[in-house]
Amino acid sequence: MPTHDREPTERGSSRSSWPSNTPAPETRRNAFRCYLLDVDPDLAGEFDLRMRVVARQSSAVTAFEVEAGICDPTAWLARRSSVAGLLLIEGVIAIDMAVGGRSTTELVGAGDLLQLWERDAEELLERDVCWQALSPARLAVLDVAFVERVRGWPQITQALLRRAGKRAQNLDLQRTICSHPRLEVRLALLLWHLAARWGRVERGGIRLTLPLTHRLLGRLVSAERPSVSHALARLENAGLVTGGGGEWHLCGTPEQHLAQLMPSEVELATEPNGGGRDGMAHAVAPNGAARTRARRAARI
């Protein structure tokens, strides 16, 4: 754990659930200094051991902790001239955006870059953003001083840019999942998508340890909570998904789920001239590693 050198928070405006002139209370209490390469192993992996020791000094950042629940990490971003963004280094945060009385949610986790939601001068729609930490979280403040210090280490900048692109790809995948008309299919695809990042192989499938309420799942797949509850019950009766709350168990593999929920579409996608392997069978997992883990678990 890094040494916790407490600092006062910066004041400023925010476009989230906290009043615009009041910083979130947790940011006043829980600020500390750390080295980004110490708390982000993937980022440290961009360097060999010798260069990591040299680059470590340049990766010094201010970080802060937030407790589980409604939070406002963007209080640190209010002074936009000095803060470039935030890097989530631990925990999971749900970002909820409401437009016209309807809400959708994005889940962000360790390694994701966050920025203040700003209204474009040409944007005509009013929107509201709310942040909720699903577990205690820690975030690093990437300010202008940090950007200047790492200018000589392009590995850091390139890694952060790749992560921003990966987050955009995950949002595209979630949007594609939401395009399926059957709610059971949307839920199964979403859970497998989340399992690729937060899942753990166990006997007969993958265990997903995330505090996903039926209401939160509804915002992730564009459905109402009662409909989600009924669809999850149908998935459980089919032996595909069990558990709930913070512990979900995905039985079998993504391909087996699709074969049971969408048999005709899967047959078409796997035919030699029927759409190829980039059809539905590949939409359920963002990488081959997740499918390999699922197949291995099915054989246990």
Protein backbone atom coordinates (compact mmCIF):
# COMPACT_ATOMS: atom_id res chain seq x y z
CA MET A 1 0.00 0.00 0.00
CA PRO A 2 1.31 3.52 -0.74
CA THR A 3 2.05 5.96 2.03
CA HIS A 4 -1.04 8.05 2.70
CA ASP A 5 0.06 11.68 2.77
CA ARG A 6 -3.23 13.49 3.31
CA GLU A 7 -3.99 16.54 1.24
CA PRO A 8 -6.92 18.94 1.02
CA THR A 9 -9.12 18.48 -2.01
CA GLU A 10 -9.46 21.03 -4.77
CA ARG A 11 -12.71 22.94 -4.99
CA GLY A 12 -14.66 23.35 -8.18
CA SER A 13 -17.76 22.61 -10.18
CA SER A 14 -19.04 19.19 -11.14
CA ARG A 15 -21.76 17.81 -13.38
CA SER A 16 -22.71 14.92 -11.15
CA SER A 17 -25.03 14.36 -8.21
CA TRP A 18 -23.03 16.54 -5.81
CA PRO A 19 -23.62 20.34 -5.62
CA SER A 20 -21.44 22.12 -8.16
CA ASN A 21 -19.57 24.23 -5.58
CA THR A 22 -18.94 21.44 -3.05
CA PRO A 23 -16.21 18.80 -3.42
CA ALA A 24 -17.17 15.26 -2.52
CA PRO A 25 -16.56 14.70 1.22
CA GLU A 26 -14.47 11.56 0.70
CA THR A 27 -11.95 13.46 -1.45
CA ARG A 28 -11.19 15.79 1.47
CA ARG A 29 -10.32 12.92 3.78
CA ASN A 30 -8.70 10.27 1.63
CA ALA A 31 -6.03 11.90 -0.55
CA PHE A 32 -2.53 10.43 -0.69
CA ARG A 33 0.60 10.40 -2.85
CA CYS A 34 1.84 7.31 -4.69
CA TYR A 35 3.80 6.17 -7.74
CA LEU A 36 1.57 5.09 -10.61
CA LEU A 37 3.96 2.32 -11.62
CA ASP A 38 3.64 0.85 -8.10
CA VAL A 39 -0.17 0.67 -8.11
CA ASP A 40 -0.71 -0.23 -11.78
CA PRO A 41 1.15 -3.48 -12.58
CA ASP A 42 0.07 -3.48 -16.24
CA LEU A 43 1.52 -0.01 -16.72
CA ALA A 44 4.73 -1.06 -14.97
CA GLY A 45 4.89 -4.02 -17.35
CA GLU A 46 5.53 -1.59 -20.22
CA PHE A 47 9.13 -1.28 -18.93
CA ASP A 48 11.94 -3.68 -18.24
CA LEU A 49 13.14 -3.74 -14.64
CA ARG A 50 16.00 -1.28 -15.12
CA MET A 51 13.93 1.33 -16.96
CA ARG A 52 11.04 0.87 -14.53
CA VAL A 53 13.21 2.03 -11.65
CA VAL A 54 14.15 5.17 -13.58
CA ALA A 55 10.62 5.92 -14.81
CA ARG A 56 9.05 5.34 -11.39
CA GLN A 57 9.99 8.79 -10.08
CA SER A 58 8.22 10.47 -12.99
CA SER A 59 4.99 8.56 -12.26
CA ALA A 60 4.27 10.27 -8.93
CA VAL A 61 0.57 11.20 -8.65
CA THR A 62 -1.99 12.35 -6.13
CA ALA A 63 -4.64 9.69 -5.55
CA PHE A 64 -7.77 9.42 -3.42
CA GLU A 65 -10.17 6.82 -2.13
CA VAL A 66 -13.96 6.67 -2.34
CA GLU A 67 -16.23 4.42 -0.33
CA ALA A 68 -18.88 2.19 -1.91
CA GLY A 69 -22.01 4.15 -2.81
CA ILE A 70 -22.87 7.40 -4.58
CA CYS A 71 -19.70 9.41 -5.10
CA ASP A 72 -18.30 12.31 -7.09
CA PRO A 73 -14.74 11.60 -8.26
CA THR A 74 -14.98 14.41 -10.80
CA ALA A 75 -14.57 16.99 -8.01
CA TRP A 76 -10.85 16.60 -8.74
CA LEU A 77 -11.47 17.50 -12.38
CA ALA A 78 -13.27 20.78 -11.76
CA ARG A 79 -10.09 22.82 -12.32
CA ARG A 80 -9.83 21.75 -15.93
CA SER A 81 -6.75 23.84 -16.61
CA SER A 82 -4.67 21.70 -14.22
CA VAL A 83 -6.28 18.24 -14.30
CA ALA A 84 -6.27 16.13 -17.46
CA GLY A 85 -8.29 13.22 -16.09
CA LEU A 86 -8.52 10.39 -13.58
CA LEU A 87 -7.19 6.84 -13.72
CA LEU A 88 -9.17 4.23 -11.81
CA ILE A 89 -6.55 2.08 -10.09
CA GLU A 90 -8.81 -0.12 -7.96
CA GLY A 91 -12.54 -0.88 -7.69
CA VAL A 92 -15.57 -0.74 -9.97
CA ILE A 93 -17.70 2.36 -10.64
CA ALA A 94 -21.07 2.55 -12.39
CA ILE A 95 -21.52 5.72 -14.45
CA ASP A 96 -25.19 6.41 -15.03
CA MET A 97 -26.36 8.90 -17.66
CA ALA A 98 -29.97 10.06 -17.87
CA VAL A 99 -31.55 11.74 -20.92
CA GLY A 100 -35.26 12.38 -21.28
CA GLY A 101 -36.17 10.35 -18.22
CA ARG A 102 -34.28 7.20 -19.32
CA SER A 103 -30.93 5.99 -17.96
CA THR A 104 -28.11 3.79 -19.20
CA THR A 105 -25.05 2.67 -17.28
CA GLU A 106 -21.42 1.92 -18.04
CA LEU A 107 -19.19 -0.08 -15.69
CA VAL A 108 -15.57 1.07 -15.42
CA GLY A 109 -12.80 -0.72 -13.57
CA ALA A 110 -9.09 -0.65 -12.82
CA GLY A 111 -7.10 0.88 -15.67
CA ASP A 112 -9.96 2.92 -17.15
CA LEU A 113 -9.48 6.63 -17.85
CA LEU A 114 -12.21 9.03 -16.69
CA GLN A 115 -12.91 12.63 -17.56
CA LEU A 116 -15.37 15.31 -16.58
CA TRP A 117 -18.62 15.20 -18.57
CA GLU A 118 -18.76 18.50 -20.43
CA ARG A 119 -21.65 19.72 -22.51
CA ASP A 120 -20.68 20.44 -26.08
CA ALA A 121 -21.66 23.91 -27.28
CA GLU A 122 -23.60 22.26 -30.13
CA GLU A 123 -25.34 19.67 -27.92
CA LEU A 124 -29.09 20.31 -27.62
CA LEU A 125 -30.05 17.57 -25.11
CA GLU A 126 -29.97 17.99 -21.36
CA ARG A 127 -28.29 15.13 -19.53
CA ASP A 128 -27.51 14.18 -15.96
CA VAL A 129 -24.64 11.98 -14.78
CA CYS A 130 -24.40 10.05 -11.53
CA TRP A 131 -21.44 8.01 -10.25
CA GLN A 132 -21.77 5.01 -7.93
CA ALA A 133 -18.83 3.00 -6.60
CA LEU A 134 -19.87 -0.67 -6.46
CA SER A 135 -16.92 -1.33 -4.17
CA PRO A 136 -14.33 0.88 -2.42
CA ALA A 137 -12.26 2.49 -5.14
CA ARG A 138 -9.00 4.37 -5.59
CA LEU A 139 -8.35 6.88 -8.36
CA ALA A 140 -5.19 8.69 -9.48
CA VAL A 141 -5.27 12.33 -10.56
CA LEU A 142 -3.49 12.85 -13.87
CA ASP A 143 -2.75 16.56 -13.78
CA VAL A 144 -0.71 18.77 -16.07
CA ALA A 145 2.39 18.26 -13.92
CA PHE A 146 2.09 14.49 -14.39
CA VAL A 147 1.72 14.92 -18.16
CA GLU A 148 4.91 16.99 -18.24
CA ARG A 149 6.85 14.50 -16.10
CA VAL A 150 5.99 11.50 -18.30
CA ARG A 151 6.63 13.33 -21.56
CA GLY A 152 9.95 11.52 -21.82
CA TRP A 153 8.27 8.13 -21.30
CA PRO A 154 6.05 7.55 -24.35
CA GLN A 155 5.30 3.99 -23.13
CA ILE A 156 3.01 5.47 -20.46
CA THR A 157 1.16 7.75 -22.87
CA GLN A 158 0.73 4.97 -25.43
CA ALA A 159 -0.59 2.55 -22.82
CA LEU A 160 -3.13 5.09 -21.58
CA LEU A 161 -4.27 5.79 -25.14
CA ARG A 162 -4.77 2.06 -25.75
CA ARG A 163 -6.91 1.88 -22.62
CA ALA A 164 -9.06 4.77 -23.80
CA GLY A 165 -9.57 2.93 -27.08
CA LYS A 166 -10.41 -0.30 -25.25
CA ARG A 167 -13.06 1.47 -23.19
CA ALA A 168 -14.66 2.78 -26.40
CA GLN A 169 -14.63 -0.75 -27.84
CA ASN A 170 -16.32 -2.10 -24.70
CA LEU A 171 -19.05 0.52 -25.07
CA ASP A 172 -19.54 -0.48 -28.71
CA LEU A 173 -19.87 -4.11 -27.64
CA GLN A 174 -22.38 -3.21 -24.93
CA ARG A 175 -24.39 -1.21 -27.47
CA THR A 176 -24.41 -4.22 -29.82
CA ILE A 177 -25.55 -6.49 -26.99
CA CYS A 178 -28.46 -4.12 -26.30
CA SER A 179 -29.59 -4.42 -29.92
CA HIS A 180 -30.79 -8.02 -29.41
CA PRO A 181 -34.57 -8.18 -29.09
CA ARG A 182 -34.71 -11.02 -26.53
CA LEU A 183 -33.91 -9.91 -22.99
CA GLU A 184 -32.54 -13.32 -21.97
CA VAL A 185 -30.00 -13.09 -24.79
CA ARG A 186 -29.01 -9.56 -23.79
CA LEU A 187 -28.48 -10.60 -20.17
CA ALA A 188 -26.49 -13.71 -21.04
CA LEU A 189 -24.27 -11.81 -23.47
CA LEU A 190 -23.70 -9.00 -20.95
CA LEU A 191 -22.75 -11.39 -18.15
CA TRP A 192 -20.26 -13.19 -20.39
CA HIS A 193 -18.86 -9.83 -21.49
CA LEU A 194 -18.36 -8.79 -17.85
CA ALA A 195 -16.94 -12.21 -16.99
CA ALA A 196 -14.14 -11.70 -19.51
CA ARG A 197 -12.84 -8.92 -17.26
CA TRP A 198 -14.09 -9.73 -13.77
CA GLY A 199 -14.85 -13.46 -13.94
CA ARG A 200 -13.02 -16.37 -12.35
CA VAL A 201 -12.98 -19.93 -13.60
CA GLU A 202 -14.60 -22.51 -11.31
CA ARG A 203 -16.13 -25.94 -11.70
CA GLY A 204 -18.60 -26.02 -14.57
CA GLY A 205 -18.28 -22.41 -15.68
CA ILE A 206 -17.20 -18.97 -14.54
CA ARG A 207 -18.03 -17.11 -11.33
CA LEU A 208 -18.66 -13.40 -11.70
CA THR A 209 -18.22 -11.49 -8.44
CA LEU A 210 -19.87 -8.12 -9.00
CA PRO A 211 -22.68 -6.50 -6.97
CA LEU A 212 -25.16 -6.38 -9.85
CA THR A 213 -28.70 -5.64 -8.74
CA HIS A 214 -31.60 -6.34 -11.10
CA ARG A 215 -32.09 -2.59 -11.46
CA LEU A 216 -28.44 -2.06 -12.42
CA LEU A 217 -28.59 -4.94 -14.91
CA GLY A 218 -31.64 -3.30 -16.42
CA ARG A 219 -29.74 -0.07 -17.01
CA LEU A 220 -26.89 -2.02 -18.58
CA VAL A 221 -29.15 -3.85 -21.08
CA SER A 222 -31.90 -1.24 -21.56
CA ALA A 223 -34.69 -3.04 -19.71
CA GLU A 224 -36.98 -2.48 -16.72
CA ARG A 225 -36.20 -4.17 -13.41
CA PRO A 226 -39.29 -6.45 -13.31
CA SER A 227 -38.52 -7.73 -16.82
CA VAL A 228 -34.92 -8.41 -15.78
CA SER A 229 -36.09 -10.41 -12.76
CA HIS A 230 -38.34 -12.59 -14.94
CA ALA A 231 -35.64 -13.08 -17.58
CA LEU A 232 -33.06 -14.10 -14.96
CA ALA A 233 -35.53 -16.62 -13.55
CA ARG A 234 -35.90 -18.12 -17.03
CA LEU A 235 -32.11 -18.30 -17.41
CA GLU A 236 -31.85 -20.05 -14.05
CA ASN A 237 -34.60 -22.53 -14.96
CA ALA A 238 -32.68 -23.29 -18.15
CA GLY A 239 -29.54 -24.01 -16.09
CA LEU A 240 -27.54 -21.21 -17.72
CA VAL A 241 -27.15 -18.59 -14.98
CA THR A 242 -27.46 -19.04 -11.21
CA GLY A 243 -26.81 -16.88 -8.17
CA GLY A 244 -27.52 -13.20 -7.81
CA GLY A 245 -26.55 -10.07 -5.92
CA GLY A 246 -22.77 -10.14 -5.79
CA GLU A 247 -22.19 -13.75 -6.92
CA TRP A 248 -23.18 -14.96 -10.39
CA HIS A 249 -22.35 -18.33 -11.87
CA LEU A 250 -22.30 -18.77 -15.66
CA CYS A 251 -22.69 -22.44 -16.48
CA GLY A 252 -21.00 -23.92 -19.53
CA THR A 253 -19.58 -21.72 -22.29
CA PRO A 254 -20.79 -18.69 -24.28
CA GLU A 255 -21.33 -20.89 -27.34
CA GLN A 256 -23.52 -23.27 -25.34
CA HIS A 257 -25.63 -20.35 -24.10
CA LEU A 258 -26.16 -19.04 -27.61
CA ALA A 259 -26.92 -22.50 -28.96
CA GLN A 260 -29.68 -22.85 -26.37
CA LEU A 261 -31.06 -19.33 -26.55
CA MET A 262 -30.65 -18.70 -30.30
CA PRO A 263 -30.34 -22.12 -31.98
CA SER A 264 -31.31 -21.06 -35.50
CA GLU A 265 -29.04 -18.00 -35.54
CA VAL A 266 -26.05 -19.96 -34.22
CA GLU A 267 -26.52 -22.67 -36.86
CA LEU A 268 -26.58 -20.03 -39.57
CA ALA A 269 -23.48 -18.28 -38.22
CA THR A 270 -21.46 -21.48 -38.10
CA GLU A 271 -22.34 -22.71 -41.61
CA PRO A 272 -19.45 -22.43 -44.13
CA ASN A 273 -21.29 -19.82 -46.23
CA GLY A 274 -23.71 -18.60 -43.60
CA GLY A 275 -22.02 -15.57 -42.16
CA GLY A 276 -18.65 -16.90 -41.04
CA ARG A 277 -17.17 -17.09 -37.57
CA ASP A 278 -17.46 -13.34 -36.96
CA GLY A 279 -21.19 -13.82 -36.46
CA MET A 280 -23.02 -14.26 -33.17
CA ALA A 281 -20.69 -16.87 -31.70
CA HIS A 282 -17.98 -14.23 -31.46
CA ALA A 283 -20.11 -11.42 -30.08
CA VAL A 284 -20.23 -12.86 -26.57
CA ALA A 285 -16.61 -12.45 -25.54
CA PRO A 286 -14.15 -9.62 -26.25
CA ASN A 287 -11.13 -11.93 -26.41
CA GLY A 288 -10.17 -15.54 -26.98
CA ALA A 289 -8.82 -15.91 -23.45
CA ALA A 290 -12.29 -15.67 -21.96
CA ARG A 291 -13.63 -18.37 -24.28
CA THR A 292 -10.66 -20.59 -23.43
CA ARG A 293 -11.32 -20.14 -19.71
CA ALA A 294 -14.99 -21.01 -20.18
CA ARG A 295 -14.26 -24.16 -22.21
CA ARG A 296 -11.69 -25.27 -19.64
CA ALA A 297 -14.18 -24.77 -16.82
CA ALA A 298 -16.84 -26.77 -18.66
CA ARG A 299 -14.49 -29.77 -18.70
CA ILE A 300 -13.80 -29.63 -14.92
